[in-house]
Amino acid sequence: MPRKDGLSQPNLFLQFFLASQPIGRLIERAIMPSAMKATDYAVLSAIDELQPVMPSDIASSTGMPRPTLTPYIERLQQSGLVDRVSNPHDGRSYMLTLTREGQRVKDENGRALEVALRRLADHLGDDTASLTDMLGRLREAAEETLLSVDR
């Protein structure tokens, strides 16, 4: 039987896009009190996980192109959430660390996201772990596909 979208098999890209919309809104709503956007929080979290870290390493770990990442880093610095320090191994580059305020904001938003995730998990039931695993595999497959297309 044909689907409403006219496709004969499930459209993974469409399903991913459709799921990403309410998930993005859940994230934005959870961190709304901090006035931070989801991508800013993701960059702040990456800095926290990897600090002290060079921007190129954040770009690699998040999959964001460096030119896209730069305004986020600048905004986090201007907000007093991130410090820029000289790279002790290469005087031409710099590394990023969280300020105390940056750590506080990251932790506060992390707690809010844990609550949102628990609420989401309540609707998923026992599927949370398998879905998390599947999404990790999907990301890896997409990255491998991009690498093979770029060759």
Protein backbone atom coordinates (compact mmCIF):
# COMPACT_ATOMS: atom_id res chain seq x y z
CA MET A 1 0.00 0.00 0.00
CA PRO A 2 1.49 3.41 -0.91
CA ARG A 3 2.32 5.85 1.85
CA LYS A 4 0.88 9.36 2.09
CA ASP A 5 4.20 10.80 0.90
CA GLY A 6 4.13 8.58 -2.18
CA LEU A 7 7.20 6.58 -1.16
CA SER A 8 7.10 2.81 -1.07
CA GLN A 9 9.46 2.40 1.88
CA PRO A 10 10.08 4.37 5.08
CA ASN A 11 11.95 7.57 4.36
CA LEU A 12 14.71 7.71 6.98
CA PHE A 13 15.72 11.28 6.18
CA LEU A 14 12.16 12.54 6.51
CA GLN A 15 11.64 10.67 9.80
CA PHE A 16 14.91 12.05 11.16
CA PHE A 17 13.92 15.59 10.18
CA LEU A 18 10.43 15.21 11.65
CA ALA A 19 11.82 13.85 14.94
CA SER A 20 14.46 16.57 15.15
CA GLN A 21 11.87 19.35 15.18
CA PRO A 22 10.11 18.54 18.48
CA ILE A 23 13.36 17.32 20.02
CA GLY A 24 14.94 20.68 19.22
CA ARG A 25 11.98 22.43 20.81
CA LEU A 26 12.30 20.23 23.93
CA ILE A 27 15.96 21.20 24.24
CA GLU A 28 15.28 24.91 23.66
CA ARG A 29 12.43 24.87 26.19
CA ALA A 30 14.54 23.09 28.83
CA ILE A 31 17.38 25.62 28.62
CA MET A 32 15.17 28.67 28.03
CA PRO A 33 15.73 30.13 31.54
CA SER A 34 19.42 30.58 30.72
CA ALA A 35 18.58 32.46 27.48
CA MET A 36 21.04 30.14 25.73
CA LYS A 37 20.40 28.51 22.37
CA ALA A 38 20.81 24.76 21.92
CA THR A 39 23.87 25.07 19.69
CA ASP A 40 25.57 27.42 22.15
CA TYR A 41 24.94 24.83 24.87
CA ALA A 42 26.34 22.06 22.66
CA VAL A 43 29.53 24.06 22.04
CA LEU A 44 29.80 24.93 25.74
CA SER A 45 29.41 21.23 26.59
CA ALA A 46 32.07 20.21 24.08
CA ILE A 47 34.48 22.73 25.59
CA ASP A 48 33.68 21.36 29.05
CA GLU A 49 34.31 17.77 27.96
CA LEU A 50 37.59 18.52 26.16
CA GLN A 51 39.09 21.54 27.96
CA PRO A 52 41.56 22.96 27.51
CA VAL A 53 40.70 22.53 23.85
CA MET A 54 41.60 24.08 20.53
CA PRO A 55 38.69 25.23 18.36
CA SER A 56 39.73 22.78 15.63
CA ASP A 57 39.22 19.91 18.07
CA ILE A 58 35.74 21.19 18.93
CA ALA A 59 34.95 21.36 15.21
CA SER A 60 36.10 17.76 14.80
CA SER A 61 34.16 16.43 17.78
CA THR A 62 30.91 18.25 16.96
CA GLY A 63 31.07 17.95 13.19
CA MET A 64 30.68 21.71 12.84
CA PRO A 65 32.84 23.41 10.21
CA ARG A 66 35.33 25.79 11.80
CA PRO A 67 33.88 28.93 10.14
CA THR A 68 30.44 27.97 11.51
CA LEU A 69 31.86 27.36 14.98
CA THR A 70 33.73 30.67 15.29
CA PRO A 71 30.71 32.92 15.98
CA TYR A 72 29.50 30.53 18.69
CA ILE A 73 32.88 30.64 20.41
CA GLU A 74 32.98 34.42 20.14
CA ARG A 75 29.48 34.72 21.61
CA LEU A 76 30.40 32.42 24.53
CA GLN A 77 33.54 34.50 25.17
CA GLN A 78 31.63 37.79 25.05
CA SER A 79 29.09 36.35 27.50
CA GLY A 80 31.88 35.55 29.96
CA LEU A 81 31.30 31.79 29.75
CA VAL A 82 34.55 30.85 28.00
CA ASP A 83 38.15 31.99 28.39
CA ARG A 84 40.61 32.06 25.54
CA VAL A 85 44.16 31.16 26.63
CA SER A 86 47.42 30.81 24.72
CA ASN A 87 48.30 27.34 23.58
CA PRO A 88 51.45 26.38 25.51
CA HIS A 89 52.55 24.10 22.65
CA ASP A 90 51.95 26.57 19.81
CA GLY A 91 52.07 30.30 20.43
CA ARG A 92 50.11 31.01 17.25
CA SER A 93 46.97 29.21 18.41
CA TYR A 94 44.73 29.35 21.44
CA MET A 95 42.76 27.02 23.64
CA LEU A 96 39.39 27.39 25.33
CA THR A 97 38.29 26.69 28.88
CA LEU A 98 35.07 27.35 30.76
CA THR A 99 34.94 30.19 33.24
CA ARG A 100 33.30 29.58 36.61
CA GLU A 101 30.16 31.18 35.24
CA GLY A 102 30.40 29.00 32.14
CA GLN A 103 30.62 25.88 34.29
CA ARG A 104 27.64 27.03 36.36
CA VAL A 105 25.50 27.70 33.27
CA LYS A 106 26.54 24.44 31.64
CA ASP A 107 25.72 22.44 34.78
CA GLU A 108 22.39 24.23 35.32
CA ASN A 109 21.34 23.57 31.73
CA GLY A 110 22.57 19.99 32.00
CA ARG A 111 20.26 19.40 34.96
CA ALA A 112 17.33 20.92 33.05
CA LEU A 113 18.07 18.68 30.08
CA GLU A 114 18.19 15.61 32.33
CA VAL A 115 14.63 16.40 33.45
CA ALA A 116 13.51 16.84 29.81
CA LEU A 117 15.20 13.57 28.86
CA ARG A 118 13.46 11.69 31.67
CA ARG A 119 10.12 13.04 30.46
CA LEU A 120 10.93 11.98 26.90
CA ALA A 121 12.10 8.56 28.10
CA ASP A 122 8.79 8.07 29.89
CA HIS A 123 7.15 8.09 26.45
CA LEU A 124 9.76 5.76 24.95
CA GLY A 125 9.55 3.09 27.61
CA ASP A 126 12.27 0.46 27.33
CA ASP A 127 13.39 1.71 23.91
CA THR A 128 15.65 4.49 25.21
CA ALA A 129 18.90 2.48 25.28
CA SER A 130 18.34 0.86 21.90
CA LEU A 131 17.36 4.19 20.35
CA THR A 132 20.46 5.86 21.77
CA ASP A 133 22.60 3.06 20.33
CA MET A 134 20.87 3.30 16.96
CA LEU A 135 21.36 7.07 16.79
CA GLY A 136 25.07 6.62 17.50
CA ARG A 137 25.28 4.08 14.70
CA LEU A 138 23.35 6.41 12.40
CA ARG A 139 25.79 9.25 13.10
CA GLU A 140 28.81 7.01 12.46
CA ALA A 141 27.28 5.69 9.23
CA ALA A 142 26.52 9.22 8.04
CA GLU A 143 30.10 10.33 8.79
CA GLU A 144 31.52 7.29 6.96
CA THR A 145 29.22 7.98 4.01
CA LEU A 146 30.37 11.59 3.85
CA LEU A 147 34.01 10.47 3.91
CA SER A 148 33.44 7.98 1.09
CA VAL A 149 31.60 10.58 -1.02
CA ASP A 150 34.41 13.12 -0.46
CA ARG A 151 37.07 10.77 -1.81
